[in-house]
């Protein structure tokens, strides 16, 4: 997580999309990293950005109870 914090401190766009439309939040959900989801959320990461397949991190989180509950709070 230190690398992410370093990039953000240097002005990286936390909601930047890759070629498939995924953001860092999408990847945090895909890897089931609640710690990263919480960090990204605290720094302004959005969970409602749809990727190229129309999926938001919130939608993708339904397979992980801890992350889904975090988004519901």
Protein backbone atom coordinates (compact mmCIF):
# COMPACT_ATOMS: atom_id res chain seq x y z
CA UNK A 1 0.00 0.00 0.00
CA UNK A 2 2.99 2.24 0.43
CA UNK A 3 3.47 2.45 -3.34
CA UNK A 4 -0.11 3.59 -3.80
CA UNK A 5 0.26 6.25 -1.12
CA UNK A 6 3.48 7.45 -2.75
CA UNK A 7 1.85 7.72 -6.18
CA UNK A 8 -1.11 9.59 -4.76
CA UNK A 9 1.15 12.00 -2.89
CA UNK A 10 2.83 12.78 -6.22
CA UNK A 11 -0.51 13.66 -7.84
CA UNK A 12 -1.60 10.39 -9.45
CA UNK A 13 -5.28 10.35 -10.43
CA UNK A 14 -6.88 7.84 -8.08
CA UNK A 15 -9.78 7.29 -10.50
CA UNK A 16 -7.66 6.86 -13.66
CA UNK A 17 -8.98 4.06 -15.86
CA UNK A 18 -6.89 1.52 -17.74
CA UNK A 19 -7.63 0.33 -21.30
CA UNK A 20 -10.49 -1.86 -20.01
CA UNK A 21 -11.96 0.95 -17.95
CA UNK A 22 -10.82 -0.45 -14.61
CA UNK A 23 -9.68 1.84 -11.82
CA UNK A 24 -7.52 1.07 -8.81
CA UNK A 25 -10.76 0.46 -6.90
CA UNK A 26 -11.77 -2.22 -9.42
CA UNK A 27 -8.43 -3.97 -8.90
CA UNK A 28 -8.69 -3.69 -5.11
CA UNK A 29 -12.09 -5.40 -5.25
CA UNK A 30 -10.88 -8.03 -7.75
CA UNK A 31 -8.02 -8.95 -5.42
CA UNK A 32 -10.35 -8.87 -2.39
CA UNK A 33 -8.15 -6.38 -0.56
CA UNK A 34 -10.41 -4.66 1.96
CA UNK A 35 -7.41 -2.71 3.24
CA UNK A 36 -6.76 -1.27 -0.23
CA UNK A 37 -10.48 -0.55 -0.76
CA UNK A 38 -10.51 1.39 2.51
CA UNK A 39 -7.33 3.30 1.61
CA UNK A 40 -8.60 4.21 -1.85
CA UNK A 41 -11.97 5.26 -0.42
CA UNK A 42 -10.28 7.48 2.16
CA UNK A 43 -8.29 9.19 -0.62
CA UNK A 44 -11.32 9.82 -2.86
CA UNK A 45 -11.45 6.63 -4.89
CA UNK A 46 -14.88 6.20 -6.43
CA UNK A 47 -16.74 2.90 -6.27
CA UNK A 48 -19.41 3.87 -8.80
CA UNK A 49 -17.28 4.14 -11.95
CA UNK A 50 -18.30 1.52 -14.53
CA UNK A 51 -15.59 -0.29 -16.47
CA UNK A 52 -15.82 -1.36 -20.12
CA UNK A 53 -18.08 -4.26 -19.15
CA UNK A 54 -20.42 -1.94 -17.27
CA UNK A 55 -19.35 -3.18 -13.85
CA UNK A 56 -18.66 -0.87 -10.94
CA UNK A 57 -16.51 -1.88 -7.98
CA UNK A 58 -19.71 -1.94 -5.90
CA UNK A 59 -21.26 -4.48 -8.29
CA UNK A 60 -18.08 -6.54 -8.33
CA UNK A 61 -17.92 -6.59 -4.52
CA UNK A 62 -21.07 -8.68 -4.14
CA UNK A 63 -18.87 -11.81 -4.05
CA UNK A 64 -17.01 -10.59 -0.95
CA UNK A 65 -19.09 -9.99 2.16
CA UNK A 66 -16.55 -7.72 3.88
CA UNK A 67 -16.10 -5.40 0.91
CA UNK A 68 -19.81 -5.36 0.10
CA UNK A 69 -20.61 -4.41 3.69
CA UNK A 70 -17.99 -1.66 3.57
CA UNK A 71 -19.65 -0.12 0.51
CA UNK A 72 -23.08 -0.34 2.17
CA UNK A 73 -21.92 1.65 5.20
